[in-house]
Amino acid sequence: MALINKNQIKNRFAAAQASYPQNALAQQQINQHLIQLLAKTERRHFQQILEIGCGTGDFTARLLDYATVERFYLNDLYQSESITDLLRKQAHWQFIEGDIEQLPLSEKFDLIASASTVQWLEDKPQFLQRCATQLKAYGTLLFNSFAPDNLSEIRELTGIGLVYPQVEQWQQWLKSSFTIQHLSVETIQLSFPSPLAVLQHLRNTGVTATQKQFWTKQKLQRFVAEYQDRFSNKNGQVSLTYCPLYVVAVK
C-alpha cells in the first residue's frame, strides 16, 4: 500500500487550479471517454451522484451535459473557485471537503464517479469496498486510474512515480462486489517543444503532487539532455505518455 501525503496533494492542486484547465489536455480527453463509457450503460438520470476528486469541474460539467441528476455531491481535498461558482447556482448540491478515504458518508448513491483521482488513494481495495457499501443495489461505479506505463518517460529518467496496479489486480479487487462492464487501458501521447515544457506541464496540472524533486543546475541539464535524446520525435518535439485505465462496474 502506497503512503501518499494528502496535504501535499491538496496544496499542489490548489496552486495549479488557475493553470489546470488550459494544460490538462490528457485529463480532458479522459473525462470525455468516461462520459462515452457511461453513455453505453444507457443510464441518463440519477437521483444521487457522488463525484470524487471534482477539481476544477471539467468532468463535472461533462457529466451534467450528459445526465440529469437530482442531488449532486462533490468531493475534493479543496474547493476550487470554479466549483464554488457552480454551487452558488445549485441549491440542492453539496460539496464535501476532505480525504474520501477518511470521510464519513451516510448517503446512498446510484452513481459514484471519479476522473483521474483514484491513483492518489492509499488503499484502493478498501476504496472499492467502500464504494460498494455506498452504492444502491445495481448502482454504477465509473472511474479511471492509470496503468503502470503512465508517465514512463519521467519514471525512466528520475526513478520517481506512483505505483500503478496492473489490470489483473483491478479485476481481482472488483470481482468480489461488482460486475465489471468495462475495463481497459488507453495510451495518450502528448508532444511538447522541449523537456522543460514537459516539466512546466506537470507543474501546471498538479501531476507532480507527490514528487519531491530538487533540481540543481547540473541535474536539470542532464535531465533535459537525456529526455531530448531518448524521447524526441522526428519533428524535434518530445513525448509524454499517459496510460489511463478505465472502469465501469455495477454493484
C-alpha atoms as a PDB file:
ATOM      1  CA  MET A   1       0.000   0.000   0.000  1.00  0.00           C
ATOM      2  CA  ALA A   2       1.492   3.323  -1.070  1.00  0.00           C
ATOM      3  CA  LEU A   3       1.893   6.070   1.521  1.00  0.00           C
ATOM      4  CA  ILE A   4       0.690   9.314  -0.003  1.00  0.00           C
ATOM      5  CA  ASN A   5       0.834  12.785   1.525  1.00  0.00           C
ATOM      6  CA  LYS A   6      -2.712  14.072   1.014  1.00  0.00           C
ATOM      7  CA  ASN A   7      -1.867  17.533   2.334  1.00  0.00           C
ATOM      8  CA  GLN A   8       0.865  17.866  -0.274  1.00  0.00           C
ATOM      9  CA  ILE A   9      -1.561  16.761  -2.987  1.00  0.00           C
ATOM     10  CA  LYS A  10      -4.106  19.328  -1.788  1.00  0.00           C
ATOM     11  CA  ASN A  11      -1.567  22.144  -1.875  1.00  0.00           C
ATOM     12  CA  ARG A  12      -0.171  21.262  -5.320  1.00  0.00           C
ATOM     13  CA  PHE A  13      -3.567  21.009  -6.998  1.00  0.00           C
ATOM     14  CA  ALA A  14      -4.896  24.121  -5.280  1.00  0.00           C
ATOM     15  CA  ALA A  15      -1.844  26.025  -6.515  1.00  0.00           C
ATOM     16  CA  ALA A  16      -2.394  24.710 -10.059  1.00  0.00           C
ATOM     17  CA  GLN A  17      -6.148  25.386 -10.284  1.00  0.00           C
ATOM     18  CA  ALA A  18      -5.754  28.517 -12.452  1.00  0.00           C
ATOM     19  CA  SER A  19      -3.428  26.823 -14.960  1.00  0.00           C
ATOM     20  CA  TYR A  20      -5.067  23.377 -14.895  1.00  0.00           C
ATOM     21  CA  PRO A  21      -7.937  23.950 -17.378  1.00  0.00           C
ATOM     22  CA  GLN A  22      -5.601  25.167 -20.140  1.00  0.00           C
ATOM     23  CA  ASN A  23      -2.979  22.462 -19.598  1.00  0.00           C
ATOM     24  CA  ALA A  24      -4.880  19.297 -18.649  1.00  0.00           C
ATOM     25  CA  LEU A  25      -5.253  18.064 -22.231  1.00  0.00           C
ATOM     26  CA  ALA A  26      -4.907  14.370 -21.428  1.00  0.00           C
ATOM     27  CA  GLN A  27      -7.245  14.652 -18.457  1.00  0.00           C
ATOM     28  CA  GLN A  28      -9.911  16.334 -20.595  1.00  0.00           C
ATOM     29  CA  GLN A  29      -9.654  13.527 -23.146  1.00  0.00           C
ATOM     30  CA  ILE A  30     -10.020  11.030 -20.300  1.00  0.00           C
ATOM     31  CA  ASN A  31     -13.069  12.870 -18.977  1.00  0.00           C
ATOM     32  CA  GLN A  32     -14.811  12.705 -22.328  1.00  0.00           C
ATOM     33  CA  HIS A  33     -14.045   8.998 -22.686  1.00  0.00           C
ATOM     34  CA  LEU A  34     -15.558   8.345 -19.256  1.00  0.00           C
ATOM     35  CA  ILE A  35     -18.767  10.045 -20.415  1.00  0.00           C
ATOM     36  CA  GLN A  36     -18.787   7.880 -23.550  1.00  0.00           C
ATOM     37  CA  LEU A  37     -18.462   4.777 -21.388  1.00  0.00           C
ATOM     38  CA  LEU A  38     -21.298   5.963 -19.157  1.00  0.00           C
ATOM     39  CA  ALA A  39     -23.461   6.502 -22.239  1.00  0.00           C
ATOM     40  CA  LYS A  40     -23.030   2.839 -23.140  1.00  0.00           C
ATOM     41  CA  THR A  41     -24.857   1.906 -19.935  1.00  0.00           C
ATOM     42  CA  GLU A  42     -27.877   3.827 -21.312  1.00  0.00           C
ATOM     43  CA  ARG A  43     -28.455   5.470 -17.937  1.00  0.00           C
ATOM     44  CA  ARG A  44     -29.080   9.208 -18.162  1.00  0.00           C
ATOM     45  CA  HIS A  45     -30.980  10.052 -14.973  1.00  0.00           C
ATOM     46  CA  PHE A  46     -29.594   9.665 -11.471  1.00  0.00           C
ATOM     47  CA  GLN A  47     -31.138  10.505  -8.127  1.00  0.00           C
ATOM     48  CA  GLN A  48     -27.863  10.918  -6.265  1.00  0.00           C
ATOM     49  CA  ILE A  49     -24.333  11.165  -7.679  1.00  0.00           C
ATOM     50  CA  LEU A  50     -21.075  11.324  -5.764  1.00  0.00           C
ATOM     51  CA  GLU A  51     -18.100  12.663  -7.705  1.00  0.00           C
ATOM     52  CA  ILE A  52     -14.751  12.055  -6.025  1.00  0.00           C
ATOM     53  CA  GLY A  53     -11.964  14.489  -6.861  1.00  0.00           C
ATOM     54  CA  CYS A  54     -14.005  17.097  -8.726  1.00  0.00           C
ATOM     55  CA  GLY A  55     -11.053  19.508  -9.003  1.00  0.00           C
ATOM     56  CA  THR A  56     -11.833  22.453 -11.266  1.00  0.00           C
ATOM     57  CA  GLY A  57     -15.003  20.809 -12.580  1.00  0.00           C
ATOM     58  CA  ASP A  58     -14.279  19.765 -16.163  1.00  0.00           C
ATOM     59  CA  PHE A  59     -15.597  16.228 -15.631  1.00  0.00           C
ATOM     60  CA  THR A  60     -18.453  17.638 -13.548  1.00  0.00           C
ATOM     61  CA  ALA A  61     -19.548  19.832 -16.448  1.00  0.00           C
ATOM     62  CA  ARG A  62     -19.352  16.975 -18.946  1.00  0.00           C
ATOM     63  CA  LEU A  63     -21.365  14.748 -16.625  1.00  0.00           C
ATOM     64  CA  LEU A  64     -24.053  17.410 -16.324  1.00  0.00           C
ATOM     65  CA  ASP A  65     -24.181  17.832 -20.099  1.00  0.00           C
ATOM     66  CA  TYR A  66     -24.889  14.106 -20.422  1.00  0.00           C
ATOM     67  CA  ALA A  67     -27.075  13.260 -17.435  1.00  0.00           C
ATOM     68  CA  THR A  68     -29.786  14.699 -15.238  1.00  0.00           C
ATOM     69  CA  VAL A  69     -29.258  14.487 -11.503  1.00  0.00           C
ATOM     70  CA  GLU A  70     -31.437  15.369  -8.529  1.00  0.00           C
ATOM     71  CA  ARG A  71     -28.736  15.638  -5.864  1.00  0.00           C
ATOM     72  CA  PHE A  72     -25.058  16.026  -6.667  1.00  0.00           C
ATOM     73  CA  TYR A  73     -22.372  15.528  -4.008  1.00  0.00           C
ATOM     74  CA  LEU A  74     -18.954  16.850  -4.999  1.00  0.00           C
ATOM     75  CA  ASN A  75     -15.812  15.876  -3.118  1.00  0.00           C
ATOM     76  CA  ASP A  76     -12.211  17.013  -3.163  1.00  0.00           C
ATOM     77  CA  LEU A  77      -9.381  17.881  -0.811  1.00  0.00           C
ATOM     78  CA  TYR A  78     -10.013  21.571  -1.563  1.00  0.00           C
ATOM     79  CA  GLN A  79     -12.837  23.608  -3.071  1.00  0.00           C
ATOM     80  CA  SER A  80     -11.773  25.285  -6.304  1.00  0.00           C
ATOM     81  CA  GLU A  81     -13.121  28.658  -7.360  1.00  0.00           C
ATOM     82  CA  SER A  82     -14.960  27.143 -10.324  1.00  0.00           C
ATOM     83  CA  ILE A  83     -16.739  24.611  -8.094  1.00  0.00           C
ATOM     84  CA  THR A  84     -17.653  27.419  -5.694  1.00  0.00           C
ATOM     85  CA  ASP A  85     -19.237  29.303  -8.602  1.00  0.00           C
ATOM     86  CA  LEU A  86     -21.135  26.191  -9.682  1.00  0.00           C
ATOM     87  CA  LEU A  87     -22.520  25.535  -6.205  1.00  0.00           C
ATOM     88  CA  ARG A  88     -23.894  29.074  -5.953  1.00  0.00           C
ATOM     89  CA  LYS A  89     -26.265  28.199  -8.805  1.00  0.00           C
ATOM     90  CA  GLN A  90     -27.349  24.822  -7.404  1.00  0.00           C
ATOM     91  CA  ALA A  91     -29.114  24.986  -4.042  1.00  0.00           C
ATOM     92  CA  HIS A  92     -29.535  21.221  -3.695  1.00  0.00           C
ATOM     93  CA  TRP A  93     -25.930  20.281  -4.360  1.00  0.00           C
ATOM     94  CA  GLN A  94     -23.327  19.776  -1.685  1.00  0.00           C
ATOM     95  CA  PHE A  95     -19.541  19.988  -1.516  1.00  0.00           C
ATOM     96  CA  ILE A  96     -17.823  17.539   0.839  1.00  0.00           C
ATOM     97  CA  GLU A  97     -14.290  18.686   1.551  1.00  0.00           C
ATOM     98  CA  GLY A  98     -11.670  16.195   2.682  1.00  0.00           C
ATOM     99  CA  ASP A  99      -9.981  12.860   2.072  1.00  0.00           C
ATOM    100  CA  ILE A 100     -12.580  10.435   0.696  1.00  0.00           C
ATOM    101  CA  GLU A 101     -10.723   7.571   2.379  1.00  0.00           C
ATOM    102  CA  GLN A 102     -11.451   9.138   5.781  1.00  0.00           C
ATOM    103  CA  LEU A 103     -14.755  10.975   5.346  1.00  0.00           C
ATOM    104  CA  PRO A 104     -17.947   9.500   6.837  1.00  0.00           C
ATOM    105  CA  LEU A 105     -20.681   9.045   4.233  1.00  0.00           C
ATOM    106  CA  SER A 106     -24.309   8.471   5.151  1.00  0.00           C
ATOM    107  CA  GLU A 107     -25.936   8.773   1.733  1.00  0.00           C
ATOM    108  CA  LYS A 108     -26.548   6.022  -0.803  1.00  0.00           C
ATOM    109  CA  PHE A 109     -25.738   6.793  -4.435  1.00  0.00           C
ATOM    110  CA  ASP A 110     -26.811   5.370  -7.764  1.00  0.00           C
ATOM    111  CA  LEU A 111     -23.596   6.636  -9.397  1.00  0.00           C
ATOM    112  CA  ILE A 112     -20.145   7.103  -7.906  1.00  0.00           C
ATOM    113  CA  ALA A 113     -17.795   8.673 -10.444  1.00  0.00           C
ATOM    114  CA  SER A 114     -14.189   9.810 -10.361  1.00  0.00           C
ATOM    115  CA  ALA A 115     -11.809  11.147 -13.011  1.00  0.00           C
ATOM    116  CA  SER A 116      -8.017  10.964 -12.613  1.00  0.00           C
ATOM    117  CA  THR A 117      -8.164  10.777  -8.814  1.00  0.00           C
ATOM    118  CA  VAL A 118      -8.128   7.144  -7.685  1.00  0.00           C
ATOM    119  CA  GLN A 119      -4.368   6.864  -8.315  1.00  0.00           C
ATOM    120  CA  TRP A 120      -3.837   9.169  -5.306  1.00  0.00           C
ATOM    121  CA  LEU A 121      -5.652   6.860  -2.878  1.00  0.00           C
ATOM    122  CA  GLU A 122      -3.607   4.816  -0.431  1.00  0.00           C
ATOM    123  CA  ASP A 123      -5.825   1.736  -0.056  1.00  0.00           C
ATOM    124  CA  LYS A 124      -7.530   1.031  -3.357  1.00  0.00           C
ATOM    125  CA  PRO A 125      -9.177  -2.302  -2.390  1.00  0.00           C
ATOM    126  CA  GLN A 126     -10.718  -0.644   0.667  1.00  0.00           C
ATOM    127  CA  PHE A 127     -11.897   2.238  -1.524  1.00  0.00           C
ATOM    128  CA  LEU A 128     -13.698  -0.192  -3.839  1.00  0.00           C
ATOM    129  CA  GLN A 129     -15.362  -1.910  -0.904  1.00  0.00           C
ATOM    130  CA  ARG A 130     -16.452   1.473   0.418  1.00  0.00           C
ATOM    131  CA  CYS A 131     -17.968   2.327  -2.955  1.00  0.00           C
ATOM    132  CA  ALA A 132     -19.869  -0.952  -2.922  1.00  0.00           C
ATOM    133  CA  THR A 133     -21.239  -0.091   0.532  1.00  0.00           C
ATOM    134  CA  GLN A 134     -22.316   3.416  -0.517  1.00  0.00           C
ATOM    135  CA  LEU A 135     -23.910   2.401  -3.820  1.00  0.00           C
ATOM    136  CA  LYS A 136     -27.530   1.409  -4.089  1.00  0.00           C
ATOM    137  CA  ALA A 137     -28.309  -2.034  -5.500  1.00  0.00           C
ATOM    138  CA  TYR A 138     -27.270  -2.093  -9.158  1.00  0.00           C
ATOM    139  CA  GLY A 139     -25.584   1.271  -8.728  1.00  0.00           C
ATOM    140  CA  THR A 140     -22.764   2.182 -11.118  1.00  0.00           C
ATOM    141  CA  LEU A 141     -19.107   2.822 -10.341  1.00  0.00           C
ATOM    142  CA  LEU A 142     -17.348   4.824 -13.067  1.00  0.00           C
ATOM    143  CA  PHE A 143     -13.718   5.907 -12.763  1.00  0.00           C
ATOM    144  CA  ASN A 144     -10.283   5.940 -14.252  1.00  0.00           C
ATOM    145  CA  SER A 145      -6.899   5.417 -12.713  1.00  0.00           C
ATOM    146  CA  PHE A 146      -3.642   4.805 -14.579  1.00  0.00           C
ATOM    147  CA  ALA A 147      -1.665   1.772 -15.719  1.00  0.00           C
ATOM    148  CA  PRO A 148       1.993   1.018 -14.846  1.00  0.00           C
ATOM    149  CA  ASP A 149       3.371   2.679 -18.001  1.00  0.00           C
ATOM    150  CA  ASN A 150       1.865   6.046 -17.082  1.00  0.00           C
ATOM    151  CA  LEU A 151       4.388   8.907 -17.401  1.00  0.00           C
ATOM    152  CA  SER A 152       7.036   6.316 -18.241  1.00  0.00           C
ATOM    153  CA  GLU A 153       9.432   8.959 -19.568  1.00  0.00           C
ATOM    154  CA  ILE A 154       9.590  10.683 -16.183  1.00  0.00           C
ATOM    155  CA  ARG A 155       9.944   7.433 -14.275  1.00  0.00           C
ATOM    156  CA  GLU A 156      12.769   6.186 -16.509  1.00  0.00           C
ATOM    157  CA  LEU A 157      14.817   9.362 -16.086  1.00  0.00           C
ATOM    158  CA  THR A 158      14.109  10.233 -12.446  1.00  0.00           C
ATOM    159  CA  GLY A 159      13.005   6.971 -10.820  1.00  0.00           C
ATOM    160  CA  ILE A 160      10.049   8.866  -9.383  1.00  0.00           C
ATOM    161  CA  GLY A 161       6.397   7.933  -9.842  1.00  0.00           C
ATOM    162  CA  LEU A 162       3.337   6.404  -8.264  1.00  0.00           C
ATOM    163  CA  VAL A 163       2.793   2.656  -8.023  1.00  0.00           C
ATOM    164  CA  TYR A 164       0.049   1.768 -10.522  1.00  0.00           C
ATOM    165  CA  PRO A 165      -1.677  -1.623 -10.176  1.00  0.00           C
ATOM    166  CA  GLN A 166      -1.932  -3.945 -13.173  1.00  0.00           C
ATOM    167  CA  VAL A 167      -5.262  -4.569 -14.912  1.00  0.00           C
ATOM    168  CA  GLU A 168      -5.384  -8.057 -13.401  1.00  0.00           C
ATOM    169  CA  GLN A 169      -5.127  -6.586  -9.915  1.00  0.00           C
ATOM    170  CA  TRP A 170      -8.093  -4.313 -10.538  1.00  0.00           C
ATOM    171  CA  GLN A 171     -10.078  -7.300 -11.817  1.00  0.00           C
ATOM    172  CA  GLN A 172      -9.365  -9.230  -8.637  1.00  0.00           C
ATOM    173  CA  TRP A 173     -10.316  -6.323  -6.382  1.00  0.00           C
ATOM    174  CA  LEU A 174     -13.544  -5.554  -8.245  1.00  0.00           C
ATOM    175  CA  LYS A 175     -14.986  -9.024  -8.720  1.00  0.00           C
ATOM    176  CA  SER A 176     -15.945  -9.588  -5.063  1.00  0.00           C
ATOM    177  CA  SER A 177     -18.546  -6.793  -5.069  1.00  0.00           C
ATOM    178  CA  PHE A 178     -19.099  -5.756  -8.678  1.00  0.00           C
ATOM    179  CA  THR A 179     -19.941  -6.984 -12.140  1.00  0.00           C
ATOM    180  CA  ILE A 180     -17.316  -5.477 -14.420  1.00  0.00           C
ATOM    181  CA  GLN A 181     -18.896  -3.976 -17.520  1.00  0.00           C
ATOM    182  CA  HIS A 182     -15.766  -2.356 -18.891  1.00  0.00           C
ATOM    183  CA  LEU A 183     -12.060  -2.461 -18.051  1.00  0.00           C
ATOM    184  CA  SER A 184      -9.475  -1.168 -20.495  1.00  0.00           C
ATOM    185  CA  VAL A 185      -6.217   0.749 -20.848  1.00  0.00           C
ATOM    186  CA  GLU A 186      -5.596   3.537 -23.335  1.00  0.00           C
ATOM    187  CA  THR A 187      -2.409   5.346 -24.392  1.00  0.00           C
ATOM    188  CA  ILE A 188      -2.440   9.125 -24.795  1.00  0.00           C
ATOM    189  CA  GLN A 189       0.802  10.601 -26.040  1.00  0.00           C
ATOM    190  CA  LEU A 190       1.305  14.347 -25.816  1.00  0.00           C
ATOM    191  CA  SER A 191       4.058  16.279 -27.607  1.00  0.00           C
ATOM    192  CA  PHE A 192       5.958  19.267 -26.239  1.00  0.00           C
ATOM    193  CA  PRO A 193       8.587  21.569 -27.744  1.00  0.00           C
ATOM    194  CA  SER A 194      11.145  20.736 -25.059  1.00  0.00           C
ATOM    195  CA  PRO A 195      11.749  18.740 -21.867  1.00  0.00           C
ATOM    196  CA  LEU A 196      11.400  21.985 -19.900  1.00  0.00           C
ATOM    197  CA  ALA A 197       7.911  22.370 -21.390  1.00  0.00           C
ATOM    198  CA  VAL A 198       7.119  18.863 -20.090  1.00  0.00           C
ATOM    199  CA  LEU A 199       8.138  19.868 -16.574  1.00  0.00           C
ATOM    200  CA  GLN A 200       6.054  23.037 -16.836  1.00  0.00           C
ATOM    201  CA  HIS A 201       3.072  20.980 -17.990  1.00  0.00           C
ATOM    202  CA  LEU A 202       3.401  18.691 -14.977  1.00  0.00           C
ATOM    203  CA  ARG A 203       3.549  21.665 -12.612  1.00  0.00           C
ATOM    204  CA  ASN A 204       0.606  23.381 -14.300  1.00  0.00           C
ATOM    205  CA  THR A 205      -1.600  20.301 -13.904  1.00  0.00           C
ATOM    206  CA  GLY A 206      -0.532  19.299 -10.393  1.00  0.00           C
ATOM    207  CA  VAL A 207       0.536  15.877 -11.657  1.00  0.00           C
ATOM    208  CA  THR A 208       3.765  16.106  -9.643  1.00  0.00           C
ATOM    209  CA  ALA A 209       1.745  16.320  -6.433  1.00  0.00           C
ATOM    210  CA  THR A 210       3.744  13.669  -4.590  1.00  0.00           C
ATOM    211  CA  GLN A 211       7.140  14.232  -6.194  1.00  0.00           C
ATOM    212  CA  LYS A 212       9.805  15.943  -4.154  1.00  0.00           C
ATOM    213  CA  GLN A 213      12.311  16.635  -6.876  1.00  0.00           C
ATOM    214  CA  PHE A 214      15.061  19.154  -6.177  1.00  0.00           C
ATOM    215  CA  TRP A 215      16.756  20.381  -9.337  1.00  0.00           C
ATOM    216  CA  THR A 216      20.343  21.553  -9.298  1.00  0.00           C
ATOM    217  CA  LYS A 217      21.551  23.240 -12.475  1.00  0.00           C
ATOM    218  CA  GLN A 218      23.627  20.196 -13.410  1.00  0.00           C
ATOM    219  CA  LYS A 219      20.827  17.754 -12.652  1.00  0.00           C
ATOM    220  CA  LEU A 220      18.364  19.745 -14.760  1.00  0.00           C
ATOM    221  CA  GLN A 221      20.793  19.967 -17.678  1.00  0.00           C
ATOM    222  CA  ARG A 222      21.339  16.208 -17.579  1.00  0.00           C
ATOM    223  CA  PHE A 223      17.577  15.565 -17.443  1.00  0.00           C
ATOM    224  CA  VAL A 224      16.956  17.834 -20.440  1.00  0.00           C
ATOM    225  CA  ALA A 225      19.748  16.258 -22.488  1.00  0.00           C
ATOM    226  CA  GLU A 226      18.656  12.672 -21.731  1.00  0.00           C
ATOM    227  CA  TYR A 227      14.979  13.434 -22.327  1.00  0.00           C
ATOM    228  CA  GLN A 228      15.739  15.065 -25.670  1.00  0.00           C
ATOM    229  CA  ASP A 229      17.957  12.152 -26.678  1.00  0.00           C
ATOM    230  CA  ARG A 230      15.582   9.347 -25.688  1.00  0.00           C
ATOM    231  CA  PHE A 231      12.096  10.731 -26.232  1.00  0.00           C
ATOM    232  CA  SER A 232      12.258  13.151 -29.155  1.00  0.00           C
ATOM    233  CA  ASN A 233      10.331  12.574 -32.396  1.00  0.00           C
ATOM    234  CA  LYS A 234      11.130  13.369 -35.997  1.00  0.00           C
ATOM    235  CA  ASN A 235       9.716  16.878 -35.583  1.00  0.00           C
ATOM    236  CA  GLY A 236      12.135  17.672 -32.798  1.00  0.00           C
ATOM    237  CA  GLN A 237       9.452  17.595 -30.135  1.00  0.00           C
ATOM    238  CA  VAL A 238       9.442  15.318 -27.100  1.00  0.00           C
ATOM    239  CA  SER A 239       6.731  12.972 -25.846  1.00  0.00           C
ATOM    240  CA  LEU A 240       4.927  12.462 -22.560  1.00  0.00           C
ATOM    241  CA  THR A 241       2.773   9.361 -22.243  1.00  0.00           C
ATOM    242  CA  TYR A 242      -0.397   8.986 -20.199  1.00  0.00           C
ATOM    243  CA  CYS A 243      -1.886   5.490 -19.776  1.00  0.00           C
ATOM    244  CA  PRO A 244      -5.398   5.816 -18.333  1.00  0.00           C
ATOM    245  CA  LEU A 245      -7.178   2.723 -17.064  1.00  0.00           C
ATOM    246  CA  TYR A 246     -10.981   2.853 -17.302  1.00  0.00           C
ATOM    247  CA  VAL A 247     -13.518   1.019 -15.141  1.00  0.00           C
ATOM    248  CA  VAL A 248     -17.296   0.704 -15.367  1.00  0.00           C
ATOM    249  CA  ALA A 249     -18.696  -1.673 -12.764  1.00  0.00           C
ATOM    250  CA  VAL A 250     -22.173  -2.393 -11.365  1.00  0.00           C
ATOM    251  CA  LYS A 251     -22.880  -3.400  -7.783  1.00  0.00           C
END
